[in-house]
Amino acid sequence: SWERWSEGVYDPLYDNYLQDCSDDGDDGDDNYNGDDIYIDPPVDAPCKDDPRVADAMECMADYARDGNCDWGHWTEMYINCQLPDAGIDDYLLAIVEADQCSWERWSEGVYDPLYNNYLQDCS
């Protein structure tokens, strides 16, 4: 009924269901990697303890350490590091596209946000 519209329909919809997409990353939102790159974890994000994730990240670290974690090497990294199998290709794509994948930023801007905010704790 119209009498219950605000309290029973509208407020719960906006308070509990819809996502606030106006966030600019400056309030400590955990899905930002520190450079205003929003990386929304999928519902079926990989598990933190998945060995494929660890292997893919070791491979990507080699590219970053060598100064080759960039858009020009994306296809090579995508294939060689088996990013789709690890389920982290979308996560890394946003970082590489934004030219934010470097060894200097590896821990704070790539690795830590992946393990702290993107992957699921499945244990």
C-alpha atoms as a PDB file:
ATOM      1  CA  SER A   1       0.000   0.000   0.000  1.00  0.00           C
ATOM      2  CA  TRP A   2       0.988   3.608  -0.429  1.00  0.00           C
ATOM      3  CA  GLU A   3       1.193   4.042   3.361  1.00  0.00           C
ATOM      4  CA  ARG A   4       3.995   1.458   3.548  1.00  0.00           C
ATOM      5  CA  TRP A   5       5.809   2.556   0.382  1.00  0.00           C
ATOM      6  CA  SER A   6       8.670   4.443   2.019  1.00  0.00           C
ATOM      7  CA  GLU A   7       9.181   2.221   5.040  1.00  0.00           C
ATOM      8  CA  GLY A   8       8.414  -1.142   3.453  1.00  0.00           C
ATOM      9  CA  VAL A   9       9.701  -0.790  -0.119  1.00  0.00           C
ATOM     10  CA  TYR A  10      11.718   2.317  -0.905  1.00  0.00           C
ATOM     11  CA  ASP A  11      13.944   2.553   2.199  1.00  0.00           C
ATOM     12  CA  PRO A  12      14.912  -1.150   2.301  1.00  0.00           C
ATOM     13  CA  LEU A  13      15.691  -1.035  -1.414  1.00  0.00           C
ATOM     14  CA  TYR A  14      18.089   1.889  -1.068  1.00  0.00           C
ATOM     15  CA  ASP A  15      19.455   0.995   2.372  1.00  0.00           C
ATOM     16  CA  ASN A  16      20.035  -2.736   1.959  1.00  0.00           C
ATOM     17  CA  TYR A  17      19.926  -3.784  -1.668  1.00  0.00           C
ATOM     18  CA  LEU A  18      21.291  -1.221  -4.100  1.00  0.00           C
ATOM     19  CA  GLN A  19      25.009  -0.511  -4.338  1.00  0.00           C
ATOM     20  CA  ASP A  20      26.353   3.015  -3.864  1.00  0.00           C
ATOM     21  CA  CYS A  21      28.273   3.662  -7.083  1.00  0.00           C
ATOM     22  CA  SER A  22      29.091   7.279  -6.321  1.00  0.00           C
ATOM     23  CA  ASP A  23      32.179   6.320  -4.288  1.00  0.00           C
ATOM     24  CA  ASP A  24      35.355   8.089  -5.403  1.00  0.00           C
ATOM     25  CA  GLY A  25      37.774   5.942  -3.418  1.00  0.00           C
ATOM     26  CA  ASP A  26      38.759   8.576  -0.891  1.00  0.00           C
ATOM     27  CA  ASP A  27      36.889   7.136   2.070  1.00  0.00           C
ATOM     28  CA  GLY A  28      38.911   3.965   2.493  1.00  0.00           C
ATOM     29  CA  ASP A  29      36.679   1.734   0.389  1.00  0.00           C
ATOM     30  CA  ASP A  30      38.477  -1.600   0.366  1.00  0.00           C
ATOM     31  CA  ASN A  31      37.895  -2.237  -3.330  1.00  0.00           C
ATOM     32  CA  TYR A  32      40.202   0.556  -4.410  1.00  0.00           C
ATOM     33  CA  ASN A  33      43.818  -0.353  -4.941  1.00  0.00           C
ATOM     34  CA  GLY A  34      45.123   3.020  -3.835  1.00  0.00           C
ATOM     35  CA  ASP A  35      45.074   4.810  -7.184  1.00  0.00           C
ATOM     36  CA  ASP A  36      41.327   5.156  -7.632  1.00  0.00           C
ATOM     37  CA  ILE A  37      41.085   1.982  -9.686  1.00  0.00           C
ATOM     38  CA  TYR A  38      37.872   0.324  -8.546  1.00  0.00           C
ATOM     39  CA  ILE A  39      38.049  -3.430  -8.844  1.00  0.00           C
ATOM     40  CA  ASP A  40      34.754  -5.030  -7.941  1.00  0.00           C
ATOM     41  CA  PRO A  41      35.242  -8.630  -6.804  1.00  0.00           C
ATOM     42  CA  PRO A  42      32.946 -11.074  -8.571  1.00  0.00           C
ATOM     43  CA  VAL A  43      30.503 -13.152  -6.590  1.00  0.00           C
ATOM     44  CA  ASP A  44      32.559 -16.208  -7.478  1.00  0.00           C
ATOM     45  CA  ALA A  45      35.997 -14.709  -6.784  1.00  0.00           C
ATOM     46  CA  PRO A  46      38.786 -17.281  -6.462  1.00  0.00           C
ATOM     47  CA  CYS A  47      39.911 -18.489  -3.062  1.00  0.00           C
ATOM     48  CA  LYS A  48      42.942 -16.966  -1.370  1.00  0.00           C
ATOM     49  CA  ASP A  49      44.546 -20.372  -0.981  1.00  0.00           C
ATOM     50  CA  ASP A  50      44.075 -21.437  -4.632  1.00  0.00           C
ATOM     51  CA  PRO A  51      47.524 -22.517  -5.882  1.00  0.00           C
ATOM     52  CA  ARG A  52      46.669 -21.247  -9.376  1.00  0.00           C
ATOM     53  CA  VAL A  53      46.388 -17.718  -7.976  1.00  0.00           C
ATOM     54  CA  ALA A  54      49.770 -18.003  -6.247  1.00  0.00           C
ATOM     55  CA  ASP A  55      51.388 -19.332  -9.431  1.00  0.00           C
ATOM     56  CA  ALA A  56      49.828 -16.605 -11.577  1.00  0.00           C
ATOM     57  CA  MET A  57      50.941 -13.892  -9.178  1.00  0.00           C
ATOM     58  CA  GLU A  58      54.499 -15.243  -9.086  1.00  0.00           C
ATOM     59  CA  CYS A  59      54.529 -15.123 -12.872  1.00  0.00           C
ATOM     60  CA  MET A  60      53.124 -11.587 -12.910  1.00  0.00           C
ATOM     61  CA  ALA A  61      55.682 -10.500 -10.309  1.00  0.00           C
ATOM     62  CA  ASP A  62      58.423 -11.568 -12.720  1.00  0.00           C
ATOM     63  CA  TYR A  63      56.946  -9.302 -15.397  1.00  0.00           C
ATOM     64  CA  ALA A  64      56.679  -6.427 -12.909  1.00  0.00           C
ATOM     65  CA  ARG A  65      60.229  -6.959 -11.648  1.00  0.00           C
ATOM     66  CA  ASP A  66      61.506  -6.907 -15.245  1.00  0.00           C
ATOM     67  CA  GLY A  67      59.559  -3.726 -16.072  1.00  0.00           C
ATOM     68  CA  ASN A  68      57.280  -5.584 -18.489  1.00  0.00           C
ATOM     69  CA  CYS A  69      53.966  -5.525 -16.624  1.00  0.00           C
ATOM     70  CA  ASP A  70      52.332  -3.220 -19.154  1.00  0.00           C
ATOM     71  CA  TRP A  71      49.721  -3.123 -21.868  1.00  0.00           C
ATOM     72  CA  GLY A  72      52.252  -4.113 -24.539  1.00  0.00           C
ATOM     73  CA  HIS A  73      52.820  -7.418 -22.733  1.00  0.00           C
ATOM     74  CA  TRP A  74      49.209  -8.056 -21.666  1.00  0.00           C
ATOM     75  CA  THR A  75      48.477 -10.907 -24.079  1.00  0.00           C
ATOM     76  CA  GLU A  76      51.769 -12.580 -23.238  1.00  0.00           C
ATOM     77  CA  MET A  77      51.107 -12.271 -19.485  1.00  0.00           C
ATOM     78  CA  TYR A  78      47.493 -13.374 -19.923  1.00  0.00           C
ATOM     79  CA  ILE A  79      48.617 -16.590 -21.613  1.00  0.00           C
ATOM     80  CA  ASN A  80      51.924 -17.337 -19.871  1.00  0.00           C
ATOM     81  CA  CYS A  81      50.645 -16.608 -16.363  1.00  0.00           C
ATOM     82  CA  GLN A  82      47.374 -18.456 -17.018  1.00  0.00           C
ATOM     83  CA  LEU A  83      45.353 -15.568 -15.613  1.00  0.00           C
ATOM     84  CA  PRO A  84      41.919 -16.880 -16.665  1.00  0.00           C
ATOM     85  CA  ASP A  85      42.596 -20.239 -14.990  1.00  0.00           C
ATOM     86  CA  ALA A  86      43.486 -18.402 -11.800  1.00  0.00           C
ATOM     87  CA  GLY A  87      40.372 -16.210 -12.122  1.00  0.00           C
ATOM     88  CA  ILE A  88      42.296 -12.955 -11.690  1.00  0.00           C
ATOM     89  CA  ASP A  89      42.444 -11.724 -15.287  1.00  0.00           C
ATOM     90  CA  ASP A  90      39.756  -9.049 -14.765  1.00  0.00           C
ATOM     91  CA  TYR A  91      41.462  -7.853 -11.592  1.00  0.00           C
ATOM     92  CA  LEU A  92      44.845  -7.468 -13.272  1.00  0.00           C
ATOM     93  CA  LEU A  93      43.423  -6.078 -16.519  1.00  0.00           C
ATOM     94  CA  ALA A  94      42.191  -2.934 -14.741  1.00  0.00           C
ATOM     95  CA  ILE A  95      45.603  -2.363 -13.159  1.00  0.00           C
ATOM     96  CA  VAL A  96      47.584  -3.010 -16.346  1.00  0.00           C
ATOM     97  CA  GLU A  97      45.252  -0.845 -18.458  1.00  0.00           C
ATOM     98  CA  ALA A  98      45.731   2.008 -15.988  1.00  0.00           C
ATOM     99  CA  ASP A  99      49.525   1.580 -16.265  1.00  0.00           C
ATOM    100  CA  GLN A 100      49.716   0.876 -12.523  1.00  0.00           C
ATOM    101  CA  CYS A 101      51.527  -2.466 -12.648  1.00  0.00           C
ATOM    102  CA  SER A 102      55.134  -1.952 -11.602  1.00  0.00           C
ATOM    103  CA  TRP A 103      57.542  -3.538  -9.190  1.00  0.00           C
ATOM    104  CA  GLU A 104      57.580  -0.348  -7.104  1.00  0.00           C
ATOM    105  CA  ARG A 105      53.812  -0.662  -6.620  1.00  0.00           C
ATOM    106  CA  TRP A 106      53.669  -4.454  -6.475  1.00  0.00           C
ATOM    107  CA  SER A 107      52.909  -5.002  -2.792  1.00  0.00           C
ATOM    108  CA  GLU A 108      50.763  -1.971  -1.997  1.00  0.00           C
ATOM    109  CA  GLY A 109      48.984  -1.513  -5.323  1.00  0.00           C
ATOM    110  CA  VAL A 110      48.670  -5.011  -6.784  1.00  0.00           C
ATOM    111  CA  TYR A 111      49.372  -7.928  -4.444  1.00  0.00           C
ATOM    112  CA  ASP A 112      47.919  -6.716  -1.130  1.00  0.00           C
ATOM    113  CA  PRO A 113      44.609  -5.458  -2.572  1.00  0.00           C
ATOM    114  CA  LEU A 114      44.189  -8.775  -4.411  1.00  0.00           C
ATOM    115  CA  TYR A 115      44.586 -10.855  -1.273  1.00  0.00           C
ATOM    116  CA  ASN A 116      42.928  -8.445   1.146  1.00  0.00           C
ATOM    117  CA  ASN A 117      39.937  -7.253  -0.886  1.00  0.00           C
ATOM    118  CA  TYR A 118      39.342  -9.309  -4.015  1.00  0.00           C
ATOM    119  CA  LEU A 119      39.867 -12.981  -3.228  1.00  0.00           C
ATOM    120  CA  GLN A 120      37.531 -14.981  -1.005  1.00  0.00           C
ATOM    121  CA  ASP A 121      38.571 -16.652   2.228  1.00  0.00           C
ATOM    122  CA  CYS A 122      37.345 -20.169   1.526  1.00  0.00           C
ATOM    123  CA  SER A 123      38.947 -21.885   4.509  1.00  0.00           C
END
